Amino acid sequence: MNACAKITDKGQITIPREIRDILKTRLVSFSIVDGVVILRPVHDVGGCLQKYARNVPSDANFSQIREAAWEKAIHEKPDS
């Protein structure tokens, strides 16, 4: 299956319904391999962010852990 989507001025796209149905999630990850953008479904946020949640203070609540993990994930180099 192939599909095209326009990137808006805000950097947003609409993923066609057929592809969203295949993904079965509203969370995706992007990576770039040899200049090709790869979009993968993420079904388990905990698993996805688990490596980033390390070294967070043990007294942190879930929201603090999730926020710290997202911050570390966002700033990670794409090829790491």
PDB file of N, CA and C in Angstrom:
ATOM      1  N   MET A   1       0.848  -1.170   0.000  1.00  0.00           N
ATOM      2  CA  MET A   1       0.000   0.000   0.000  1.00  0.00           C
ATOM      3  C   MET A   1       0.897   1.237   0.000  1.00  0.00           C
ATOM      4  N   ASN A   2       0.552   2.198  -0.808  1.00  0.00           N
ATOM      5  CA  ASN A   2       1.235   3.482  -0.859  1.00  0.00           C
ATOM      6  C   ASN A   2       0.218   4.580  -0.652  1.00  0.00           C
ATOM      7  N   ALA A   3       0.643   5.653  -0.021  1.00  0.00           N
ATOM      8  CA  ALA A   3      -0.238   6.799   0.193  1.00  0.00           C
ATOM      9  C   ALA A   3       0.605   8.063   0.222  1.00  0.00           C
ATOM     10  N   CYS A   4      -0.001   9.164  -0.136  1.00  0.00           N
ATOM     11  CA  CYS A   4       0.664  10.467  -0.077  1.00  0.00           C
ATOM     12  C   CYS A   4      -0.089  11.353   0.907  1.00  0.00           C
ATOM     13  N   ALA A   5       0.631  12.245   1.533  1.00  0.00           N
ATOM     14  CA  ALA A   5       0.015  13.190   2.463  1.00  0.00           C
ATOM     15  C   ALA A   5       0.755  14.506   2.360  1.00  0.00           C
ATOM     16  N   LYS A   6       0.033  15.592   2.511  1.00  0.00           N
ATOM     17  CA  LYS A   6       0.614  16.920   2.472  1.00  0.00           C
ATOM     18  C   LYS A   6       1.065  17.319   3.880  1.00  0.00           C
ATOM     19  N   ILE A   7       2.237  17.899   3.974  1.00  0.00           N
ATOM     20  CA  ILE A   7       2.723  18.413   5.251  1.00  0.00           C
ATOM     21  C   ILE A   7       2.278  19.868   5.347  1.00  0.00           C
ATOM     22  N   THR A   8       1.554  20.200   6.415  1.00  0.00           N
ATOM     23  CA  THR A   8       1.057  21.564   6.586  1.00  0.00           C
ATOM     24  C   THR A   8       2.194  22.492   7.011  1.00  0.00           C
ATOM     25  N   ASP A   9       1.907  23.780   7.043  1.00  0.00           N
ATOM     26  CA  ASP A   9       2.897  24.760   7.492  1.00  0.00           C
ATOM     27  C   ASP A   9       3.329  24.514   8.936  1.00  0.00           C
ATOM     28  N   LYS A  10       2.471  23.846   9.706  1.00  0.00           N
ATOM     29  CA  LYS A  10       2.791  23.523  11.103  1.00  0.00           C
ATOM     30  C   LYS A  10       3.514  22.186  11.224  1.00  0.00           C
ATOM     31  N   GLY A  11       3.807  21.535  10.090  1.00  0.00           N
ATOM     32  CA  GLY A  11       4.520  20.260  10.119  1.00  0.00           C
ATOM     33  C   GLY A  11       3.635  19.066  10.402  1.00  0.00           C
ATOM     34  N   GLN A  12       2.339  19.203  10.208  1.00  0.00           N
ATOM     35  CA  GLN A  12       1.399  18.130  10.497  1.00  0.00           C
ATOM     36  C   GLN A  12       0.973  17.424   9.218  1.00  0.00           C
ATOM     37  N   ILE A  13       0.630  16.145   9.355  1.00  0.00           N
ATOM     38  CA  ILE A  13       0.056  15.391   8.249  1.00  0.00           C
ATOM     39  C   ILE A  13      -1.147  14.616   8.774  1.00  0.00           C
ATOM     40  N   THR A  14      -2.009  14.231   7.865  1.00  0.00           N
ATOM     41  CA  THR A  14      -3.100  13.329   8.205  1.00  0.00           C
ATOM     42  C   THR A  14      -2.749  11.961   7.635  1.00  0.00           C
ATOM     43  N   ILE A  15      -2.676  10.979   8.495  1.00  0.00           N
ATOM     44  CA  ILE A  15      -2.388   9.619   8.039  1.00  0.00           C
ATOM     45  C   ILE A  15      -3.689   9.030   7.516  1.00  0.00           C
ATOM     46  N   PRO A  16      -3.693   8.542   6.287  1.00  0.00           N
ATOM     47  CA  PRO A  16      -4.924   7.977   5.721  1.00  0.00           C
ATOM     48  C   PRO A  16      -5.526   6.877   6.605  1.00  0.00           C
ATOM     49  N   ARG A  17      -6.852   6.815   6.619  1.00  0.00           N
ATOM     50  CA  ARG A  17      -7.573   5.869   7.464  1.00  0.00           C
ATOM     51  C   ARG A  17      -7.082   4.430   7.279  1.00  0.00           C
ATOM     52  N   GLU A  18      -6.851   4.019   6.048  1.00  0.00           N
ATOM     53  CA  GLU A  18      -6.414   2.637   5.797  1.00  0.00           C
ATOM     54  C   GLU A  18      -5.119   2.323   6.542  1.00  0.00           C
ATOM     55  N   ILE A  19      -4.217   3.295   6.586  1.00  0.00           N
ATOM     56  CA  ILE A  19      -2.953   3.089   7.287  1.00  0.00           C
ATOM     57  C   ILE A  19      -3.169   3.138   8.795  1.00  0.00           C
ATOM     58  N   ARG A  20      -4.000   4.068   9.278  1.00  0.00           N
ATOM     59  CA  ARG A  20      -4.310   4.124  10.723  1.00  0.00           C
ATOM     60  C   ARG A  20      -4.935   2.815  11.180  1.00  0.00           C
ATOM     61  N   ASP A  21      -5.799   2.231  10.343  1.00  0.00           N
ATOM     62  CA  ASP A  21      -6.424   0.957  10.698  1.00  0.00           C
ATOM     63  C   ASP A  21      -5.390  -0.157  10.819  1.00  0.00           C
ATOM     64  N   ILE A  22      -4.382  -0.124   9.985  1.00  0.00           N
ATOM     65  CA  ILE A  22      -3.315  -1.126  10.044  1.00  0.00           C
ATOM     66  C   ILE A  22      -2.440  -0.902  11.282  1.00  0.00           C
ATOM     67  N   LEU A  23      -2.150   0.362  11.600  1.00  0.00           N
ATOM     68  CA  LEU A  23      -1.301   0.681  12.749  1.00  0.00           C
ATOM     69  C   LEU A  23      -1.942   0.270  14.069  1.00  0.00           C
ATOM     70  N   LYS A  24      -3.260   0.428  14.186  1.00  0.00           N
ATOM     71  CA  LYS A  24      -4.019   0.073  15.395  1.00  0.00           C
ATOM     72  C   LYS A  24      -3.499   0.768  16.653  1.00  0.00           C
ATOM     73  N   THR A  25      -3.045   2.004  16.488  1.00  0.00           N
ATOM     74  CA  THR A  25      -2.591   2.806  17.621  1.00  0.00           C
ATOM     75  C   THR A  25      -2.605   4.269  17.205  1.00  0.00           C
ATOM     76  N   ARG A  26      -2.609   5.142  18.182  1.00  0.00           N
ATOM     77  CA  ARG A  26      -2.546   6.575  17.885  1.00  0.00           C
ATOM     78  C   ARG A  26      -1.167   7.136  18.193  1.00  0.00           C
ATOM     79  N   LEU A  27      -0.242   6.257  18.535  1.00  0.00           N
ATOM     80  CA  LEU A  27       1.118   6.666  18.857  1.00  0.00           C
ATOM     81  C   LEU A  27       2.082   5.981  17.902  1.00  0.00           C
ATOM     82  N   VAL A  28       2.947   6.764  17.278  1.00  0.00           N
ATOM     83  CA  VAL A  28       3.911   6.211  16.335  1.00  0.00           C
ATOM     84  C   VAL A  28       5.301   6.747  16.643  1.00  0.00           C
ATOM     85  N   SER A  29       6.298   6.045  16.171  1.00  0.00           N
ATOM     86  CA  SER A  29       7.668   6.530  16.284  1.00  0.00           C
ATOM     87  C   SER A  29       8.231   6.684  14.875  1.00  0.00           C
ATOM     88  N   PHE A  30       9.143   7.615  14.729  1.00  0.00           N
ATOM     89  CA  PHE A  30       9.799   7.857  13.458  1.00  0.00           C
ATOM     90  C   PHE A  30      11.282   7.581  13.610  1.00  0.00           C
ATOM     91  N   SER A  31      11.874   7.030  12.576  1.00  0.00           N
ATOM     92  CA  SER A  31      13.326   6.906  12.523  1.00  0.00           C
ATOM     93  C   SER A  31      13.746   7.140  11.084  1.00  0.00           C
ATOM     94  N   ILE A  32      15.000   7.460  10.902  1.00  0.00           N
ATOM     95  CA  ILE A  32      15.529   7.689   9.565  1.00  0.00           C
ATOM     96  C   ILE A  32      16.671   6.712   9.349  1.00  0.00           C
ATOM     97  N   VAL A  33      16.553   5.912   8.297  1.00  0.00           N
ATOM     98  CA  VAL A  33      17.572   4.931   7.952  1.00  0.00           C
ATOM     99  C   VAL A  33      17.961   5.165   6.492  1.00  0.00           C
ATOM    100  N   ASP A  34      19.215   5.492   6.277  1.00  0.00           N
ATOM    101  CA  ASP A  34      19.715   5.755   4.920  1.00  0.00           C
ATOM    102  C   ASP A  34      18.841   6.759   4.176  1.00  0.00           C
ATOM    103  N   GLY A  35      18.414   7.815   4.867  1.00  0.00           N
ATOM    104  CA  GLY A  35      17.628   8.866   4.248  1.00  0.00           C
ATOM    105  C   GLY A  35      16.162   8.540   4.043  1.00  0.00           C
ATOM    106  N   VAL A  36      15.709   7.392   4.529  1.00  0.00           N
ATOM    107  CA  VAL A  36      14.305   6.994   4.409  1.00  0.00           C
ATOM    108  C   VAL A  36      13.644   7.107   5.779  1.00  0.00           C
ATOM    109  N   VAL A  37      12.511   7.797   5.830  1.00  0.00           N
ATOM    110  CA  VAL A  37      11.774   7.950   7.085  1.00  0.00           C
ATOM    111  C   VAL A  37      10.924   6.709   7.295  1.00  0.00           C
ATOM    112  N   ILE A  38      11.051   6.113   8.470  1.00  0.00           N
ATOM    113  CA  ILE A  38      10.286   4.906   8.814  1.00  0.00           C
ATOM    114  C   ILE A  38       9.343   5.258   9.951  1.00  0.00           C
ATOM    115  N   LEU A  39       8.081   4.946   9.773  1.00  0.00           N
ATOM    116  CA  LEU A  39       7.053   5.174  10.782  1.00  0.00           C
ATOM    117  C   LEU A  39       6.645   3.809  11.331  1.00  0.00           C
ATOM    118  N   ARG A  40       6.701   3.662  12.651  1.00  0.00           N
ATOM    119  CA  ARG A  40       6.345   2.387  13.284  1.00  0.00           C
ATOM    120  C   ARG A  40       5.280   2.631  14.345  1.00  0.00           C
ATOM    121  N   PRO A  41       4.340   1.688  14.477  1.00  0.00           N
ATOM    122  CA  PRO A  41       3.356   1.828  15.546  1.00  0.00           C
ATOM    123  C   PRO A  41       3.998   1.576  16.903  1.00  0.00           C
ATOM    124  N   VAL A  42       3.538   2.302  17.913  1.00  0.00           N
ATOM    125  CA  VAL A  42       3.980   2.076  19.288  1.00  0.00           C
ATOM    126  C   VAL A  42       2.743   1.654  20.065  1.00  0.00           C
ATOM    127  N   HIS A  43       2.762   0.429  20.538  1.00  0.00           N
ATOM    128  CA  HIS A  43       1.597  -0.101  21.252  1.00  0.00           C
ATOM    129  C   HIS A  43       1.759  -0.051  22.763  1.00  0.00           C
ATOM    130  N   ASP A  44       2.998   0.083  23.240  1.00  0.00           N
ATOM    131  CA  ASP A  44       3.247   0.063  24.673  1.00  0.00           C
ATOM    132  C   ASP A  44       4.149   1.239  25.026  1.00  0.00           C
ATOM    133  N   VAL A  45       3.549   2.324  25.495  1.00  0.00           N
ATOM    134  CA  VAL A  45       4.330   3.508  25.820  1.00  0.00           C
ATOM    135  C   VAL A  45       5.339   3.198  26.907  1.00  0.00           C
ATOM    136  N   GLY A  46       4.943   2.413  27.876  1.00  0.00           N
ATOM    137  CA  GLY A  46       5.866   2.067  28.950  1.00  0.00           C
ATOM    138  C   GLY A  46       7.107   1.397  28.406  1.00  0.00           C
ATOM    139  N   GLY A  47       6.916   0.453  27.514  1.00  0.00           N
ATOM    140  CA  GLY A  47       8.044  -0.234  26.907  1.00  0.00           C
ATOM    141  C   GLY A  47       8.864   0.692  26.039  1.00  0.00           C
ATOM    142  N   CYS A  48       8.188   1.552  25.326  1.00  0.00           N
ATOM    143  CA  CYS A  48       8.850   2.489  24.416  1.00  0.00           C
ATOM    144  C   CYS A  48       9.740   3.455  25.182  1.00  0.00           C
ATOM    145  N   LEU A  49       9.302   3.899  26.330  1.00  0.00           N
ATOM    146  CA  LEU A  49      10.032   4.908  27.090  1.00  0.00           C
ATOM    147  C   LEU A  49      10.823   4.337  28.261  1.00  0.00           C
ATOM    148  N   GLN A  50      10.762   3.035  28.457  1.00  0.00           N
ATOM    149  CA  GLN A  50      11.376   2.422  29.624  1.00  0.00           C
ATOM    150  C   GLN A  50      12.857   2.775  29.766  1.00  0.00           C
ATOM    151  N   LYS A  51      13.605   2.721  28.661  1.00  0.00           N
ATOM    152  CA  LYS A  51      15.042   3.007  28.760  1.00  0.00           C
ATOM    153  C   LYS A  51      15.311   4.457  29.132  1.00  0.00           C
ATOM    154  N   TYR A  52      14.352   5.352  28.857  1.00  0.00           N
ATOM    155  CA  TYR A  52      14.525   6.762  29.167  1.00  0.00           C
ATOM    156  C   TYR A  52      14.132   7.091  30.607  1.00  0.00           C
ATOM    157  N   ALA A  53      13.384   6.209  31.235  1.00  0.00           N
ATOM    158  CA  ALA A  53      12.889   6.467  32.581  1.00  0.00           C
ATOM    159  C   ALA A  53      13.917   6.109  33.655  1.00  0.00           C
ATOM    160  N   ARG A  54      15.018   5.529  33.264  1.00  0.00           N
ATOM    161  CA  ARG A  54      16.065   5.196  34.227  1.00  0.00           C
ATOM    162  C   ARG A  54      16.662   6.481  34.806  1.00  0.00           C
ATOM    163  N   ASN A  55      17.153   6.383  36.000  1.00  0.00           N
ATOM    164  CA  ASN A  55      17.791   7.509  36.696  1.00  0.00           C
ATOM    165  C   ASN A  55      16.822   8.621  37.066  1.00  0.00           C
ATOM    166  N   VAL A  56      15.528   8.331  37.066  1.00  0.00           N
ATOM    167  CA  VAL A  56      14.531   9.282  37.549  1.00  0.00           C
ATOM    168  C   VAL A  56      14.383   9.009  39.045  1.00  0.00           C
ATOM    169  N   PRO A  57      14.317  10.047  39.876  1.00  0.00           N
ATOM    170  CA  PRO A  57      14.218   9.825  41.330  1.00  0.00           C
ATOM    171  C   PRO A  57      13.111   8.823  41.687  1.00  0.00           C
ATOM    172  N   SER A  58      13.400   7.958  42.631  1.00  0.00           N
ATOM    173  CA  SER A  58      12.451   6.898  43.001  1.00  0.00           C
ATOM    174  C   SER A  58      11.173   7.439  43.627  1.00  0.00           C
ATOM    175  N   ASP A  59      11.193   8.672  44.138  1.00  0.00           N
ATOM    176  CA  ASP A  59       9.985   9.231  44.735  1.00  0.00           C
ATOM    177  C   ASP A  59       9.126   9.993  43.717  1.00  0.00           C
ATOM    178  N   ALA A  60       9.507   9.959  42.437  1.00  0.00           N
ATOM    179  CA  ALA A  60       8.740  10.657  41.396  1.00  0.00           C
ATOM    180  C   ALA A  60       7.433   9.913  41.139  1.00  0.00           C
ATOM    181  N   ASN A  61       6.374  10.676  40.854  1.00  0.00           N
ATOM    182  CA  ASN A  61       5.108  10.029  40.511  1.00  0.00           C
ATOM    183  C   ASN A  61       5.100   9.684  39.026  1.00  0.00           C
ATOM    184  N   PHE A  62       4.056   8.983  38.587  1.00  0.00           N
ATOM    185  CA  PHE A  62       3.991   8.503  37.211  1.00  0.00           C
ATOM    186  C   PHE A  62       4.108   9.645  36.204  1.00  0.00           C
ATOM    187  N   SER A  63       3.413  10.731  36.431  1.00  0.00           N
ATOM    188  CA  SER A  63       3.448  11.865  35.499  1.00  0.00           C
ATOM    189  C   SER A  63       4.858  12.435  35.374  1.00  0.00           C
ATOM    190  N   GLN A  64       5.569  12.527  36.489  1.00  0.00           N
ATOM    191  CA  GLN A  64       6.935  13.050  36.465  1.00  0.00           C
ATOM    192  C   GLN A  64       7.874  12.097  35.715  1.00  0.00           C
ATOM    193  N   ILE A  65       7.688  10.803  35.942  1.00  0.00           N
ATOM    194  CA  ILE A  65       8.516   9.802  35.257  1.00  0.00           C
ATOM    195  C   ILE A  65       8.259   9.853  33.756  1.00  0.00           C
ATOM    196  N   ARG A  66       6.976   9.899  33.368  1.00  0.00           N
ATOM    197  CA  ARG A  66       6.611   9.943  31.949  1.00  0.00           C
ATOM    198  C   ARG A  66       7.177  11.201  31.297  1.00  0.00           C
ATOM    199  N   GLU A  67       7.041  12.348  31.952  1.00  0.00           N
ATOM    200  CA  GLU A  67       7.537  13.607  31.398  1.00  0.00           C
ATOM    201  C   GLU A  67       9.057  13.575  31.232  1.00  0.00           C
ATOM    202  N   ALA A  68       9.761  13.069  32.236  1.00  0.00           N
ATOM    203  CA  ALA A  68      11.224  12.982  32.154  1.00  0.00           C
ATOM    204  C   ALA A  68      11.640  12.040  31.030  1.00  0.00           C
ATOM    205  N   ALA A  69      10.933  10.932  30.883  1.00  0.00           N
ATOM    206  CA  ALA A  69      11.243   9.971  29.825  1.00  0.00           C
ATOM    207  C   ALA A  69      11.019  10.586  28.450  1.00  0.00           C
ATOM    208  N   TRP A  70       9.894  11.294  28.287  1.00  0.00           N
ATOM    209  CA  TRP A  70       9.623  11.942  26.995  1.00  0.00           C
ATOM    210  C   TRP A  70      10.702  12.977  26.685  1.00  0.00           C
ATOM    211  N   GLU A  71      11.105  13.762  27.658  1.00  0.00           N
ATOM    212  CA  GLU A  71      12.133  14.772  27.431  1.00  0.00           C
ATOM    213  C   GLU A  71      13.440  14.129  26.959  1.00  0.00           C
ATOM    214  N   LYS A  72      13.831  13.033  27.599  1.00  0.00           N
ATOM    215  CA  LYS A  72      15.062  12.346  27.187  1.00  0.00           C
ATOM    216  C   LYS A  72      14.898  11.755  25.789  1.00  0.00           C
ATOM    217  N   ALA A  73      13.737  11.179  25.491  1.00  0.00           N
ATOM    218  CA  ALA A  73      13.489  10.570  24.181  1.00  0.00           C
ATOM    219  C   ALA A  73      13.504  11.621  23.082  1.00  0.00           C
ATOM    220  N   ILE A  74      12.918  12.761  23.337  1.00  0.00           N
ATOM    221  CA  ILE A  74      12.837  13.833  22.339  1.00  0.00           C
ATOM    222  C   ILE A  74      14.235  14.320  21.951  1.00  0.00           C
ATOM    223  N   HIS A  75      15.142  14.368  22.906  1.00  0.00           N
ATOM    224  CA  HIS A  75      16.464  14.922  22.652  1.00  0.00           C
ATOM    225  C   HIS A  75      17.491  13.883  22.223  1.00  0.00           C
ATOM    226  N   GLU A  76      17.070  12.639  22.082  1.00  0.00           N
ATOM    227  CA  GLU A  76      17.973  11.591  21.645  1.00  0.00           C
ATOM    228  C   GLU A  76      18.287  11.772  20.159  1.00  0.00           C
ATOM    229  N   LYS A  77      19.493  11.468  19.783  1.00  0.00           N
ATOM    230  CA  LYS A  77      19.871  11.530  18.370  1.00  0.00           C
ATOM    231  C   LYS A  77      19.125  10.434  17.612  1.00  0.00           C
ATOM    232  N   PRO A  78      18.672  10.694  16.385  1.00  0.00           N
ATOM    233  CA  PRO A  78      17.879   9.729  15.627  1.00  0.00           C
ATOM    234  C   PRO A  78      18.561   8.384  15.390  1.00  0.00           C
ATOM    235  N   ASP A  79      19.865   8.353  15.287  1.00  0.00           N
ATOM    236  CA  ASP A  79      20.540   7.097  14.993  1.00  0.00           C
ATOM    237  C   ASP A  79      21.046   6.388  16.227  1.00  0.00           C
ATOM    238  N   SER A  80      20.587   6.787  17.411  1.00  0.00           N
ATOM    239  CA  SER A  80      21.037   6.159  18.667  1.00  0.00           C
ATOM    240  C   SER A  80      20.284   4.883  18.919  1.00  0.00           C
TER     241      SER A  80
END
